[in-house]
Amino acid sequence: MNSSHTWISMDEVQSIMEWLFASLLNAGCYGTAHIIWYNDAAPNSKLEKAVKDGTRRDEPTLLYRCGSRVQPPPNGYYWRLMAEHPSNRIYQLEVKEED
């Protein structure tokens, strides 16, 4: 998994990474995945590029919300809250279904 700078404790990071790793394996994903540690108080253009790269390669892209809002998704996508995780701060980037 690729990751960027975080604003949470390393213990929390490890716990989240272990949960995501187990979730991805359970879903049958054995390739590259991306996790974005996003703080809306400190936007970072590199994170936007990482989201676009994962989208272009059709690789799982997940976001941990360190601040109060999630990063705007690319056109045609949305962030789905992964309510399975107790923090209610992990989101998966998914394709928006056409109405």
C-alpha atoms as a PDB file:
ATOM      1  CA  MET A   1       0.000   0.000   0.000  1.00  0.00           C
ATOM      2  CA  ASN A   2       1.154   3.516  -0.679  1.00  0.00           C
ATOM      3  CA  SER A   3       0.647   6.101   2.045  1.00  0.00           C
ATOM      4  CA  SER A   4       1.322   9.766   2.713  1.00  0.00           C
ATOM      5  CA  HIS A   5       2.015  11.851   5.811  1.00  0.00           C
ATOM      6  CA  THR A   6      -0.435  11.332   8.663  1.00  0.00           C
ATOM      7  CA  TRP A   7      -1.937  13.411  11.471  1.00  0.00           C
ATOM      8  CA  ILE A   8      -2.816  10.495  13.766  1.00  0.00           C
ATOM      9  CA  SER A   9      -0.756   8.300  16.110  1.00  0.00           C
ATOM     10  CA  MET A  10       1.370   5.490  14.707  1.00  0.00           C
ATOM     11  CA  ASP A  11      -0.623   2.986  16.801  1.00  0.00           C
ATOM     12  CA  GLU A  12      -3.828   4.141  15.089  1.00  0.00           C
ATOM     13  CA  VAL A  13      -2.113   3.991  11.700  1.00  0.00           C
ATOM     14  CA  GLN A  14      -0.976   0.417  12.336  1.00  0.00           C
ATOM     15  CA  SER A  15      -4.442  -0.654  13.475  1.00  0.00           C
ATOM     16  CA  ILE A  16      -6.055   0.907  10.386  1.00  0.00           C
ATOM     17  CA  MET A  17      -3.481  -0.608   8.030  1.00  0.00           C
ATOM     18  CA  GLU A  18      -4.001  -4.076   9.538  1.00  0.00           C
ATOM     19  CA  TRP A  19      -7.783  -3.746   9.152  1.00  0.00           C
ATOM     20  CA  LEU A  20      -7.476  -2.552   5.545  1.00  0.00           C
ATOM     21  CA  PHE A  21      -4.984  -5.290   4.693  1.00  0.00           C
ATOM     22  CA  ALA A  22      -7.323  -7.967   6.071  1.00  0.00           C
ATOM     23  CA  SER A  23     -10.303  -6.382   4.276  1.00  0.00           C
ATOM     24  CA  LEU A  24      -8.483  -6.258   0.935  1.00  0.00           C
ATOM     25  CA  LEU A  25      -7.326  -9.872   1.253  1.00  0.00           C
ATOM     26  CA  ASN A  26     -10.852 -10.945   2.185  1.00  0.00           C
ATOM     27  CA  ALA A  27     -12.119  -9.174  -0.956  1.00  0.00           C
ATOM     28  CA  GLY A  28      -9.554 -11.020  -3.102  1.00  0.00           C
ATOM     29  CA  CYS A  29      -7.366  -7.986  -3.812  1.00  0.00           C
ATOM     30  CA  TYR A  30      -3.701  -8.945  -4.054  1.00  0.00           C
ATOM     31  CA  GLY A  31      -2.352  -6.026  -6.114  1.00  0.00           C
ATOM     32  CA  THR A  32      -1.526  -2.418  -5.405  1.00  0.00           C
ATOM     33  CA  ALA A  33      -3.892  -0.365  -3.249  1.00  0.00           C
ATOM     34  CA  HIS A  34      -3.687   3.260  -2.155  1.00  0.00           C
ATOM     35  CA  ILE A  35      -4.559   4.826   1.178  1.00  0.00           C
ATOM     36  CA  ILE A  36      -4.806   8.596   1.439  1.00  0.00           C
ATOM     37  CA  TRP A  37      -4.436  10.242   4.857  1.00  0.00           C
ATOM     38  CA  TYR A  38      -6.478  13.397   4.235  1.00  0.00           C
ATOM     39  CA  ASN A  39      -6.605  16.489   6.430  1.00  0.00           C
ATOM     40  CA  ASP A  40      -8.853  19.168   4.920  1.00  0.00           C
ATOM     41  CA  ALA A  41      -7.030  21.815   6.990  1.00  0.00           C
ATOM     42  CA  ALA A  42      -3.821  21.068   5.067  1.00  0.00           C
ATOM     43  CA  PRO A  43      -4.713  20.190   1.433  1.00  0.00           C
ATOM     44  CA  ASN A  44      -1.958  18.510  -0.555  1.00  0.00           C
ATOM     45  CA  SER A  45      -1.933  18.350  -4.362  1.00  0.00           C
ATOM     46  CA  LYS A  46       0.119  15.127  -4.243  1.00  0.00           C
ATOM     47  CA  LEU A  47      -2.860  13.389  -2.621  1.00  0.00           C
ATOM     48  CA  GLU A  48      -5.125  14.454  -5.491  1.00  0.00           C
ATOM     49  CA  LYS A  49      -2.596  12.975  -7.929  1.00  0.00           C
ATOM     50  CA  ALA A  50      -2.489   9.711  -5.942  1.00  0.00           C
ATOM     51  CA  VAL A  51      -6.293   9.435  -6.154  1.00  0.00           C
ATOM     52  CA  LYS A  52      -6.223  10.035  -9.910  1.00  0.00           C
ATOM     53  CA  ASP A  53      -3.402   7.512 -10.394  1.00  0.00           C
ATOM     54  CA  GLY A  54      -5.289   4.810  -8.475  1.00  0.00           C
ATOM     55  CA  THR A  55      -8.463   5.586 -10.424  1.00  0.00           C
ATOM     56  CA  ARG A  56      -6.687   5.430 -13.776  1.00  0.00           C
ATOM     57  CA  ARG A  57      -5.156   2.046 -12.924  1.00  0.00           C
ATOM     58  CA  ASP A  58      -8.406   0.686 -11.444  1.00  0.00           C
ATOM     59  CA  GLU A  59      -6.638   0.035  -8.117  1.00  0.00           C
ATOM     60  CA  PRO A  60      -8.475   0.171  -4.770  1.00  0.00           C
ATOM     61  CA  THR A  61      -8.207   3.690  -3.373  1.00  0.00           C
ATOM     62  CA  LEU A  62      -9.123   4.365   0.228  1.00  0.00           C
ATOM     63  CA  LEU A  63      -9.142   7.533   2.279  1.00  0.00           C
ATOM     64  CA  TYR A  64      -8.770   8.062   6.005  1.00  0.00           C
ATOM     65  CA  ARG A  65     -10.405  11.360   6.985  1.00  0.00           C
ATOM     66  CA  CYS A  66      -8.076  13.104   9.447  1.00  0.00           C
ATOM     67  CA  GLY A  67     -10.107  16.342   9.369  1.00  0.00           C
ATOM     68  CA  SER A  68     -13.776  17.213   9.133  1.00  0.00           C
ATOM     69  CA  ARG A  69     -14.311  16.623   5.384  1.00  0.00           C
ATOM     70  CA  VAL A  70     -13.208  14.194   2.690  1.00  0.00           C
ATOM     71  CA  GLN A  71     -11.195  15.154  -0.364  1.00  0.00           C
ATOM     72  CA  PRO A  72     -13.375  15.966  -3.391  1.00  0.00           C
ATOM     73  CA  PRO A  73     -13.585  12.821  -5.558  1.00  0.00           C
ATOM     74  CA  PRO A  74     -12.776  12.833  -9.281  1.00  0.00           C
ATOM     75  CA  ASN A  75     -15.729  13.308 -11.662  1.00  0.00           C
ATOM     76  CA  GLY A  76     -17.838  10.170 -11.910  1.00  0.00           C
ATOM     77  CA  TYR A  77     -16.744   8.839  -8.498  1.00  0.00           C
ATOM     78  CA  TYR A  78     -17.787   9.194  -4.869  1.00  0.00           C
ATOM     79  CA  TRP A  79     -16.343   8.313  -1.473  1.00  0.00           C
ATOM     80  CA  ARG A  80     -18.298   5.474   0.185  1.00  0.00           C
ATOM     81  CA  LEU A  81     -18.028   5.434   3.983  1.00  0.00           C
ATOM     82  CA  MET A  82     -16.746   2.043   5.098  1.00  0.00           C
ATOM     83  CA  ALA A  83     -19.066   1.743   8.084  1.00  0.00           C
ATOM     84  CA  GLU A  84     -17.526  -1.649   8.892  1.00  0.00           C
ATOM     85  CA  HIS A  85     -14.625   0.199  10.577  1.00  0.00           C
ATOM     86  CA  PRO A  86     -15.439   1.609  14.030  1.00  0.00           C
ATOM     87  CA  SER A  87     -13.779   4.988  13.370  1.00  0.00           C
ATOM     88  CA  ASN A  88     -16.327   6.005  10.691  1.00  0.00           C
ATOM     89  CA  ARG A  89     -13.420   7.794   8.988  1.00  0.00           C
ATOM     90  CA  ILE A  90     -12.437   5.316   6.264  1.00  0.00           C
ATOM     91  CA  TYR A  91     -13.853   5.745   2.753  1.00  0.00           C
ATOM     92  CA  GLN A  92     -13.444   3.789  -0.476  1.00  0.00           C
ATOM     93  CA  LEU A  93     -13.453   5.503  -3.851  1.00  0.00           C
ATOM     94  CA  GLU A  94     -16.185   3.997  -6.015  1.00  0.00           C
ATOM     95  CA  VAL A  95     -17.676   4.613  -9.454  1.00  0.00           C
ATOM     96  CA  LYS A  96     -20.877   6.643  -9.349  1.00  0.00           C
ATOM     97  CA  GLU A  97     -23.763   4.754 -10.918  1.00  0.00           C
ATOM     98  CA  GLU A  98     -25.644   6.606 -13.634  1.00  0.00           C
ATOM     99  CA  ASP A  99     -29.339   7.263 -12.897  1.00  0.00           C
END
